[in-house]
Protein backbone atom coordinates (compact mmCIF):
# COMPACT_ATOMS: atom_id res chain seq x y z
CA UNK A 1 0.00 0.00 0.00
CA UNK A 2 1.30 3.44 -0.90
CA UNK A 3 -0.14 6.90 -0.51
CA UNK A 4 -0.01 9.53 -3.20
CA UNK A 5 -1.29 13.10 -3.33
CA UNK A 6 -4.69 13.33 -4.99
CA UNK A 7 -4.60 14.45 -8.62
CA UNK A 8 -7.00 17.32 -7.89
CA UNK A 9 -6.83 20.20 -5.38
CA UNK A 10 -9.99 19.24 -3.45
CA UNK A 11 -11.72 15.91 -2.79
CA UNK A 12 -15.08 17.64 -3.08
CA UNK A 13 -14.27 18.87 -6.56
CA UNK A 14 -16.32 17.21 -9.32
CA UNK A 15 -13.11 16.34 -11.14
CA UNK A 16 -12.11 14.19 -8.15
CA UNK A 17 -14.62 11.54 -9.21
CA UNK A 18 -13.35 11.75 -12.75
CA UNK A 19 -9.64 11.31 -11.97
CA UNK A 20 -9.45 9.32 -8.72
CA UNK A 21 -9.07 5.94 -10.47
CA UNK A 22 -7.04 7.11 -13.47
CA UNK A 23 -3.43 6.26 -12.74
CA UNK A 24 -2.29 8.60 -15.53
CA UNK A 25 -3.51 11.56 -13.44
CA UNK A 26 -1.03 10.85 -10.63
CA UNK A 27 2.09 12.76 -11.68
CA UNK A 28 4.17 11.42 -8.78
CA UNK A 29 3.38 7.75 -9.43
CA UNK A 30 6.41 7.04 -11.68
CA UNK A 31 8.78 8.61 -9.14
CA UNK A 32 7.28 6.69 -6.21
CA UNK A 33 7.33 3.36 -8.05
CA UNK A 34 10.88 4.02 -9.22
CA UNK A 35 11.99 4.64 -5.65
CA UNK A 36 10.29 1.46 -4.45
CA UNK A 37 12.24 -0.47 -7.08
CA UNK A 38 15.50 0.99 -5.77
CA UNK A 39 14.77 0.50 -2.06
CA UNK A 40 15.43 -3.20 -1.89
CA UNK A 41 16.75 -5.27 0.96
CA UNK A 42 18.73 -8.51 1.05
CA UNK A 43 16.83 -10.10 3.94
CA UNK A 44 14.20 -11.56 1.61
CA UNK A 45 14.57 -12.20 -2.10
CA UNK A 46 13.01 -9.39 -4.17
CA UNK A 47 11.66 -7.69 -1.03
CA UNK A 48 11.34 -3.96 -0.65
CA UNK A 49 12.05 -2.19 2.62
CA UNK A 50 8.44 -1.41 3.71
CA UNK A 51 7.40 -5.05 3.26
CA UNK A 52 10.47 -6.35 5.08
CA UNK A 53 9.84 -3.94 7.97
CA UNK A 54 6.18 -4.95 8.17
CA UNK A 55 7.21 -8.60 8.33
CA UNK A 56 9.78 -7.85 11.02
CA UNK A 57 7.30 -6.08 13.28
CA UNK A 58 4.41 -8.48 12.64
CA UNK A 59 6.31 -11.71 13.23
CA UNK A 60 7.00 -13.28 16.60
CA UNK A 61 10.55 -14.31 17.38
CA UNK A 62 10.84 -18.08 17.78
CA UNK A 63 12.86 -18.03 21.00
CA UNK A 64 10.69 -15.88 23.31
CA UNK A 65 7.63 -16.27 21.09
CA UNK A 66 7.07 -19.92 21.93
CA UNK A 67 7.21 -19.25 25.67
CA UNK A 68 4.90 -16.23 25.42
CA UNK A 69 2.32 -18.14 23.38
CA UNK A 70 2.53 -21.07 25.81
CA UNK A 71 1.86 -18.83 28.82
CA UNK A 72 -0.95 -17.05 26.98
CA UNK A 73 -2.62 -20.34 26.00
CA UNK A 74 -2.36 -21.78 29.51
CA UNK A 75 -3.86 -18.62 31.03
CA UNK A 76 -6.62 -18.52 28.42
CA UNK A 77 -7.69 -22.13 28.86
CA UNK A 78 -7.48 -21.99 32.66
CA UNK A 79 -10.05 -19.16 32.65
CA UNK A 80 -12.74 -21.31 31.08
PDB file of N, CA and C in Angstrom:
ATOM      1  N   UNK A   1       0.841  -1.157   0.000  1.00  0.00           N
ATOM      2  CA  UNK A   1       0.000   0.000   0.000  1.00  0.00           C
ATOM      3  C   UNK A   1       0.895   1.231   0.000  1.00  0.00           C
ATOM      4  N   UNK A   2       0.580   2.163  -0.851  1.00  0.00           N
ATOM      5  CA  UNK A   2       1.296   3.436  -0.897  1.00  0.00           C
ATOM      6  C   UNK A   2       0.278   4.570  -0.899  1.00  0.00           C
ATOM      7  N   UNK A   3       0.717   5.722  -0.490  1.00  0.00           N
ATOM      8  CA  UNK A   3      -0.144   6.905  -0.506  1.00  0.00           C
ATOM      9  C   UNK A   3       0.447   7.927  -1.455  1.00  0.00           C
ATOM     10  N   UNK A   4      -0.409   8.493  -2.253  1.00  0.00           N
ATOM     11  CA  UNK A   4      -0.007   9.531  -3.200  1.00  0.00           C
ATOM     12  C   UNK A   4      -0.910  10.738  -3.022  1.00  0.00           C
ATOM     13  N   UNK A   5      -0.407  11.920  -3.356  1.00  0.00           N
ATOM     14  CA  UNK A   5      -1.289  13.097  -3.327  1.00  0.00           C
ATOM     15  C   UNK A   5      -2.395  12.939  -4.371  1.00  0.00           C
ATOM     16  N   UNK A   6      -3.586  13.404  -4.029  1.00  0.00           N
ATOM     17  CA  UNK A   6      -4.686  13.333  -4.990  1.00  0.00           C
ATOM     18  C   UNK A   6      -4.354  14.145  -6.238  1.00  0.00           C
ATOM     19  N   UNK A   7      -4.889  13.734  -7.378  1.00  0.00           N
ATOM     20  CA  UNK A   7      -4.597  14.448  -8.621  1.00  0.00           C
ATOM     21  C   UNK A   7      -5.409  15.724  -8.810  1.00  0.00           C
ATOM     22  N   UNK A   8      -6.198  16.097  -7.823  1.00  0.00           N
ATOM     23  CA  UNK A   8      -7.002  17.324  -7.887  1.00  0.00           C
ATOM     24  C   UNK A   8      -6.830  18.088  -6.576  1.00  0.00           C
ATOM     25  N   UNK A   9      -7.042  19.396  -6.593  1.00  0.00           N
ATOM     26  CA  UNK A   9      -6.834  20.200  -5.378  1.00  0.00           C
ATOM     27  C   UNK A   9      -7.764  19.846  -4.215  1.00  0.00           C
ATOM     28  N   UNK A  10      -9.009  19.504  -4.500  1.00  0.00           N
ATOM     29  CA  UNK A  10      -9.990  19.240  -3.445  1.00  0.00           C
ATOM     30  C   UNK A  10     -10.718  17.920  -3.706  1.00  0.00           C
ATOM     31  N   UNK A  11     -10.971  17.166  -2.640  1.00  0.00           N
ATOM     32  CA  UNK A  11     -11.719  15.915  -2.786  1.00  0.00           C
ATOM     33  C   UNK A  11     -13.183  16.163  -3.128  1.00  0.00           C
ATOM     34  N   UNK A  12     -13.684  17.333  -2.804  1.00  0.00           N
ATOM     35  CA  UNK A  12     -15.083  17.641  -3.082  1.00  0.00           C
ATOM     36  C   UNK A  12     -15.289  18.126  -4.514  1.00  0.00           C
ATOM     37  N   UNK A  13     -14.217  18.399  -5.174  1.00  0.00           N
ATOM     38  CA  UNK A  13     -14.271  18.866  -6.557  1.00  0.00           C
ATOM     39  C   UNK A  13     -14.896  17.780  -7.443  1.00  0.00           C
ATOM     40  N   UNK A  14     -15.690  18.176  -8.413  1.00  0.00           N
ATOM     41  CA  UNK A  14     -16.325  17.214  -9.324  1.00  0.00           C
ATOM     42  C   UNK A  14     -15.287  16.432 -10.126  1.00  0.00           C
ATOM     43  N   UNK A  15     -14.150  17.045 -10.383  1.00  0.00           N
ATOM     44  CA  UNK A  15     -13.106  16.344 -11.139  1.00  0.00           C
ATOM     45  C   UNK A  15     -12.466  15.224 -10.316  1.00  0.00           C
ATOM     46  N   UNK A  16     -12.638  15.261  -9.002  1.00  0.00           N
ATOM     47  CA  UNK A  16     -12.107  14.193  -8.146  1.00  0.00           C
ATOM     48  C   UNK A  16     -12.672  12.843  -8.579  1.00  0.00           C
ATOM     49  N   UNK A  17     -13.978  12.784  -8.777  1.00  0.00           N
ATOM     50  CA  UNK A  17     -14.623  11.535  -9.207  1.00  0.00           C
ATOM     51  C   UNK A  17     -14.119  11.092 -10.574  1.00  0.00           C
ATOM     52  N   UNK A  18     -13.795  12.057 -11.388  1.00  0.00           N
ATOM     53  CA  UNK A  18     -13.354  11.747 -12.747  1.00  0.00           C
ATOM     54  C   UNK A  18     -11.934  11.174 -12.767  1.00  0.00           C
ATOM     55  N   UNK A  19     -11.057  11.671 -11.900  1.00  0.00           N
ATOM     56  CA  UNK A  19      -9.644  11.307 -11.970  1.00  0.00           C
ATOM     57  C   UNK A  19      -9.144  10.362 -10.877  1.00  0.00           C
ATOM     58  N   UNK A  20      -9.936  10.083  -9.864  1.00  0.00           N
ATOM     59  CA  UNK A  20      -9.445   9.322  -8.716  1.00  0.00           C
ATOM     60  C   UNK A  20      -8.914   7.938  -9.107  1.00  0.00           C
ATOM     61  N   UNK A  21      -9.501   7.283 -10.086  1.00  0.00           N
ATOM     62  CA  UNK A  21      -9.074   5.937 -10.472  1.00  0.00           C
ATOM     63  C   UNK A  21      -8.264   5.903 -11.763  1.00  0.00           C
ATOM     64  N   UNK A  22      -7.861   7.067 -12.256  1.00  0.00           N
ATOM     65  CA  UNK A  22      -7.037   7.113 -13.474  1.00  0.00           C
ATOM     66  C   UNK A  22      -5.577   7.284 -13.070  1.00  0.00           C
ATOM     67  N   UNK A  23      -4.822   6.199 -13.183  1.00  0.00           N
ATOM     68  CA  UNK A  23      -3.427   6.259 -12.737  1.00  0.00           C
ATOM     69  C   UNK A  23      -2.617   7.289 -13.510  1.00  0.00           C
ATOM     70  N   UNK A  24      -3.026   7.611 -14.730  1.00  0.00           N
ATOM     71  CA  UNK A  24      -2.295   8.598 -15.530  1.00  0.00           C
ATOM     72  C   UNK A  24      -2.337   9.989 -14.893  1.00  0.00           C
ATOM     73  N   UNK A  25      -3.338  10.241 -14.055  1.00  0.00           N
ATOM     74  CA  UNK A  25      -3.506  11.559 -13.440  1.00  0.00           C
ATOM     75  C   UNK A  25      -2.541  11.794 -12.279  1.00  0.00           C
ATOM     76  N   UNK A  26      -1.938  10.736 -11.774  1.00  0.00           N
ATOM     77  CA  UNK A  26      -1.025  10.853 -10.630  1.00  0.00           C
ATOM     78  C   UNK A  26       0.393  11.106 -11.133  1.00  0.00           C
ATOM     79  N   UNK A  27       0.783  12.374 -11.136  1.00  0.00           N
ATOM     80  CA  UNK A  27       2.089  12.763 -11.675  1.00  0.00           C
ATOM     81  C   UNK A  27       3.254  12.172 -10.891  1.00  0.00           C
ATOM     82  N   UNK A  28       3.067  11.927  -9.614  1.00  0.00           N
ATOM     83  CA  UNK A  28       4.167  11.424  -8.780  1.00  0.00           C
ATOM     84  C   UNK A  28       4.292   9.902  -8.804  1.00  0.00           C
ATOM     85  N   UNK A  29       3.368   9.216  -9.426  1.00  0.00           N
ATOM     86  CA  UNK A  29       3.384   7.752  -9.431  1.00  0.00           C
ATOM     87  C   UNK A  29       4.668   7.162 -10.015  1.00  0.00           C
ATOM     88  N   UNK A  30       5.164   7.616 -11.156  1.00  0.00           N
ATOM     89  CA  UNK A  30       6.413   7.043 -11.679  1.00  0.00           C
ATOM     90  C   UNK A  30       7.601   7.218 -10.732  1.00  0.00           C
ATOM     91  N   UNK A  31       7.675   8.362 -10.077  1.00  0.00           N
ATOM     92  CA  UNK A  31       8.777   8.612  -9.141  1.00  0.00           C
ATOM     93  C   UNK A  31       8.678   7.671  -7.940  1.00  0.00           C
ATOM     94  N   UNK A  32       7.480   7.542  -7.378  1.00  0.00           N
ATOM     95  CA  UNK A  32       7.282   6.688  -6.206  1.00  0.00           C
ATOM     96  C   UNK A  32       7.585   5.231  -6.546  1.00  0.00           C
ATOM     97  N   UNK A  33       7.072   4.744  -7.662  1.00  0.00           N
ATOM     98  CA  UNK A  33       7.329   3.356  -8.049  1.00  0.00           C
ATOM     99  C   UNK A  33       8.798   3.129  -8.369  1.00  0.00           C
ATOM    100  N   UNK A  34       9.444   4.121  -8.955  1.00  0.00           N
ATOM    101  CA  UNK A  34      10.878   4.021  -9.219  1.00  0.00           C
ATOM    102  C   UNK A  34      11.686   3.921  -7.940  1.00  0.00           C
ATOM    103  N   UNK A  35      11.306   4.707  -6.942  1.00  0.00           N
ATOM    104  CA  UNK A  35      11.993   4.637  -5.647  1.00  0.00           C
ATOM    105  C   UNK A  35      11.773   3.292  -4.968  1.00  0.00           C
ATOM    106  N   UNK A  36      10.557   2.769  -5.050  1.00  0.00           N
ATOM    107  CA  UNK A  36      10.293   1.458  -4.452  1.00  0.00           C
ATOM    108  C   UNK A  36      11.142   0.373  -5.102  1.00  0.00           C
ATOM    109  N   UNK A  37      11.375   0.492  -6.400  1.00  0.00           N
ATOM    110  CA  UNK A  37      12.242  -0.473  -7.077  1.00  0.00           C
ATOM    111  C   UNK A  37      13.675  -0.385  -6.584  1.00  0.00           C
ATOM    112  N   UNK A  38      14.112   0.806  -6.206  1.00  0.00           N
ATOM    113  CA  UNK A  38      15.497   0.995  -5.770  1.00  0.00           C
ATOM    114  C   UNK A  38      15.701   0.671  -4.295  1.00  0.00           C
ATOM    115  N   UNK A  39      14.642   0.774  -3.494  1.00  0.00           N
ATOM    116  CA  UNK A  39      14.766   0.499  -2.059  1.00  0.00           C
ATOM    117  C   UNK A  39      14.540  -0.995  -1.853  1.00  0.00           C
ATOM    118  N   UNK A  40      15.549  -1.764  -2.107  1.00  0.00           N
ATOM    119  CA  UNK A  40      15.430  -3.201  -1.895  1.00  0.00           C
ATOM    120  C   UNK A  40      16.264  -3.596  -0.691  1.00  0.00           C
ATOM    121  N   UNK A  41      16.071  -4.794  -0.237  1.00  0.00           N
ATOM    122  CA  UNK A  41      16.753  -5.269   0.958  1.00  0.00           C
ATOM    123  C   UNK A  41      17.117  -6.736   0.739  1.00  0.00           C
ATOM    124  N   UNK A  42      18.233  -7.155   1.288  1.00  0.00           N
ATOM    125  CA  UNK A  42      18.731  -8.507   1.051  1.00  0.00           C
ATOM    126  C   UNK A  42      18.153  -9.552   2.001  1.00  0.00           C
ATOM    127  N   UNK A  43      17.371  -9.144   2.975  1.00  0.00           N
ATOM    128  CA  UNK A  43      16.828 -10.096   3.936  1.00  0.00           C
ATOM    129  C   UNK A  43      15.939 -11.129   3.255  1.00  0.00           C
ATOM    130  N   UNK A  44      15.089 -10.678   2.351  1.00  0.00           N
ATOM    131  CA  UNK A  44      14.205 -11.565   1.610  1.00  0.00           C
ATOM    132  C   UNK A  44      14.419 -11.305   0.128  1.00  0.00           C
ATOM    133  N   UNK A  45      14.358 -12.351  -0.669  1.00  0.00           N
ATOM    134  CA  UNK A  45      14.574 -12.202  -2.105  1.00  0.00           C
ATOM    135  C   UNK A  45      13.487 -11.312  -2.709  1.00  0.00           C
ATOM    136  N   UNK A  46      13.901 -10.327  -3.471  1.00  0.00           N
ATOM    137  CA  UNK A  46      13.006  -9.390  -4.170  1.00  0.00           C
ATOM    138  C   UNK A  46      12.090  -8.604  -3.227  1.00  0.00           C
ATOM    139  N   UNK A  47      12.489  -8.436  -1.980  1.00  0.00           N
ATOM    140  CA  UNK A  47      11.659  -7.686  -1.030  1.00  0.00           C
ATOM    141  C   UNK A  47      12.037  -6.213  -1.058  1.00  0.00           C
ATOM    142  N   UNK A  48      11.068  -5.385  -0.793  1.00  0.00           N
ATOM    143  CA  UNK A  48      11.336  -3.959  -0.647  1.00  0.00           C
ATOM    144  C   UNK A  48      11.268  -3.626   0.839  1.00  0.00           C
ATOM    145  N   UNK A  49      11.897  -2.543   1.212  1.00  0.00           N
ATOM    146  CA  UNK A  49      12.045  -2.189   2.622  1.00  0.00           C
ATOM    147  C   UNK A  49      10.726  -2.131   3.395  1.00  0.00           C
ATOM    148  N   UNK A  50       9.677  -1.465   2.905  1.00  0.00           N
ATOM    149  CA  UNK A  50       8.445  -1.413   3.706  1.00  0.00           C
ATOM    150  C   UNK A  50       7.864  -2.796   4.006  1.00  0.00           C
ATOM    151  N   UNK A  51       7.937  -3.705   3.042  1.00  0.00           N
ATOM    152  CA  UNK A  51       7.398  -5.048   3.260  1.00  0.00           C
ATOM    153  C   UNK A  51       8.256  -5.807   4.257  1.00  0.00           C
ATOM    154  N   UNK A  52       9.568  -5.678   4.143  1.00  0.00           N
ATOM    155  CA  UNK A  52      10.470  -6.349   5.082  1.00  0.00           C
ATOM    156  C   UNK A  52      10.270  -5.821   6.497  1.00  0.00           C
ATOM    157  N   UNK A  53      10.081  -4.511   6.637  1.00  0.00           N
ATOM    158  CA  UNK A  53       9.839  -3.938   7.968  1.00  0.00           C
ATOM    159  C   UNK A  53       8.503  -4.404   8.536  1.00  0.00           C
ATOM    160  N   UNK A  54       7.490  -4.470   7.699  1.00  0.00           N
ATOM    161  CA  UNK A  54       6.185  -4.949   8.167  1.00  0.00           C
ATOM    162  C   UNK A  54       6.296  -6.385   8.649  1.00  0.00           C
ATOM    163  N   UNK A  55       7.023  -7.204   7.927  1.00  0.00           N
ATOM    164  CA  UNK A  55       7.210  -8.596   8.325  1.00  0.00           C
ATOM    165  C   UNK A  55       7.954  -8.671   9.653  1.00  0.00           C
ATOM    166  N   UNK A  56       8.977  -7.847   9.791  1.00  0.00           N
ATOM    167  CA  UNK A  56       9.782  -7.849  11.017  1.00  0.00           C
ATOM    168  C   UNK A  56       8.928  -7.520  12.241  1.00  0.00           C
ATOM    169  N   UNK A  57       8.082  -6.516  12.131  1.00  0.00           N
ATOM    170  CA  UNK A  57       7.301  -6.084  13.284  1.00  0.00           C
ATOM    171  C   UNK A  57       6.043  -6.922  13.503  1.00  0.00           C
ATOM    172  N   UNK A  58       5.606  -7.659  12.491  1.00  0.00           N
ATOM    173  CA  UNK A  58       4.409  -8.483  12.641  1.00  0.00           C
ATOM    174  C   UNK A  58       4.734  -9.901  13.088  1.00  0.00           C
ATOM    175  N   UNK A  59       5.951 -10.340  12.882  1.00  0.00           N
ATOM    176  CA  UNK A  59       6.307 -11.712  13.231  1.00  0.00           C
ATOM    177  C   UNK A  59       6.725 -11.819  14.694  1.00  0.00           C
ATOM    178  N   UNK A  60       6.614 -13.012  15.213  1.00  0.00           N
ATOM    179  CA  UNK A  60       7.003 -13.278  16.598  1.00  0.00           C
ATOM    180  C   UNK A  60       8.297 -14.078  16.567  1.00  0.00           C
ATOM    181  N   UNK A  61       9.278 -13.616  17.292  1.00  0.00           N
ATOM    182  CA  UNK A  61      10.554 -14.310  17.375  1.00  0.00           C
ATOM    183  C   UNK A  61      10.338 -15.714  17.933  1.00  0.00           C
ATOM    184  N   UNK A  62      11.032 -16.692  17.374  1.00  0.00           N
ATOM    185  CA  UNK A  62      10.836 -18.079  17.778  1.00  0.00           C
ATOM    186  C   UNK A  62      11.235 -18.317  19.230  1.00  0.00           C
ATOM    187  N   UNK A  63      12.353 -17.749  19.654  1.00  0.00           N
ATOM    188  CA  UNK A  63      12.859 -18.032  20.998  1.00  0.00           C
ATOM    189  C   UNK A  63      11.901 -17.568  22.098  1.00  0.00           C
ATOM    190  N   UNK A  64      11.638 -16.268  22.260  1.00  0.00           N
ATOM    191  CA  UNK A  64      10.688 -15.884  23.313  1.00  0.00           C
ATOM    192  C   UNK A  64       9.237 -16.097  22.892  1.00  0.00           C
ATOM    193  N   UNK A  65       8.996 -16.152  21.583  1.00  0.00           N
ATOM    194  CA  UNK A  65       7.628 -16.270  21.090  1.00  0.00           C
ATOM    195  C   UNK A  65       6.936 -17.537  21.535  1.00  0.00           C
ATOM    196  N   UNK A  66       7.662 -18.653  21.519  1.00  0.00           N
ATOM    197  CA  UNK A  66       7.074 -19.925  21.928  1.00  0.00           C
ATOM    198  C   UNK A  66       6.648 -19.863  23.389  1.00  0.00           C
ATOM    199  N   UNK A  67       7.506 -19.338  24.234  1.00  0.00           N
ATOM    200  CA  UNK A  67       7.207 -19.250  25.669  1.00  0.00           C
ATOM    201  C   UNK A  67       6.017 -18.322  25.922  1.00  0.00           C
ATOM    202  N   UNK A  68       5.997 -17.188  25.247  1.00  0.00           N
ATOM    203  CA  UNK A  68       4.901 -16.226  25.418  1.00  0.00           C
ATOM    204  C   UNK A  68       3.571 -16.845  24.995  1.00  0.00           C
ATOM    205  N   UNK A  69       3.551 -17.516  23.843  1.00  0.00           N
ATOM    206  CA  UNK A  69       2.315 -18.145  23.377  1.00  0.00           C
ATOM    207  C   UNK A  69       1.877 -19.274  24.307  1.00  0.00           C
ATOM    208  N   UNK A  70       2.844 -19.996  24.866  1.00  0.00           N
ATOM    209  CA  UNK A  70       2.529 -21.074  25.806  1.00  0.00           C
ATOM    210  C   UNK A  70       1.866 -20.516  27.067  1.00  0.00           C
ATOM    211  N   UNK A  71       2.433 -19.459  27.626  1.00  0.00           N
ATOM    212  CA  UNK A  71       1.864 -18.829  28.823  1.00  0.00           C
ATOM    213  C   UNK A  71       0.479 -18.270  28.519  1.00  0.00           C
ATOM    214  N   UNK A  72       0.339 -17.618  27.377  1.00  0.00           N
ATOM    215  CA  UNK A  72      -0.948 -17.053  26.979  1.00  0.00           C
ATOM    216  C   UNK A  72      -2.002 -18.152  26.859  1.00  0.00           C
ATOM    217  N   UNK A  73      -1.662 -19.249  26.191  1.00  0.00           N
ATOM    218  CA  UNK A  73      -2.616 -20.342  25.996  1.00  0.00           C
ATOM    219  C   UNK A  73      -3.016 -20.969  27.329  1.00  0.00           C
ATOM    220  N   UNK A  74      -2.042 -21.190  28.206  1.00  0.00           N
ATOM    221  CA  UNK A  74      -2.361 -21.779  29.513  1.00  0.00           C
ATOM    222  C   UNK A  74      -3.290 -20.866  30.303  1.00  0.00           C
ATOM    223  N   UNK A  75      -3.002 -19.579  30.317  1.00  0.00           N
ATOM    224  CA  UNK A  75      -3.861 -18.623  31.030  1.00  0.00           C
ATOM    225  C   UNK A  75      -5.253 -18.562  30.423  1.00  0.00           C
ATOM    226  N   UNK A  76      -5.326 -18.601  29.112  1.00  0.00           N
ATOM    227  CA  UNK A  76      -6.617 -18.521  28.423  1.00  0.00           C
ATOM    228  C   UNK A  76      -7.481 -19.737  28.747  1.00  0.00           C
ATOM    229  N   UNK A  77      -6.901 -20.926  28.643  1.00  0.00           N
ATOM    230  CA  UNK A  77      -7.689 -22.134  28.858  1.00  0.00           C
ATOM    231  C   UNK A  77      -7.992 -22.383  30.332  1.00  0.00           C
ATOM    232  N   UNK A  78      -7.199 -21.849  31.231  1.00  0.00           N
ATOM    233  CA  UNK A  78      -7.479 -21.988  32.659  1.00  0.00           C
ATOM    234  C   UNK A  78      -8.622 -21.087  33.104  1.00  0.00           C
ATOM    235  N   UNK A  79      -8.953 -20.076  32.316  1.00  0.00           N
ATOM    236  CA  UNK A  79     -10.051 -19.163  32.653  1.00  0.00           C
ATOM    237  C   UNK A  79     -11.405 -19.806  32.396  1.00  0.00           C
ATOM    238  N   UNK A  80     -11.450 -20.722  31.472  1.00  0.00           N
ATOM    239  CA  UNK A  80     -12.745 -21.312  31.079  1.00  0.00           C
ATOM    240  C   UNK A  80     -13.214 -22.361  32.045  1.00  0.00           C
TER     241      UNK A  80
END
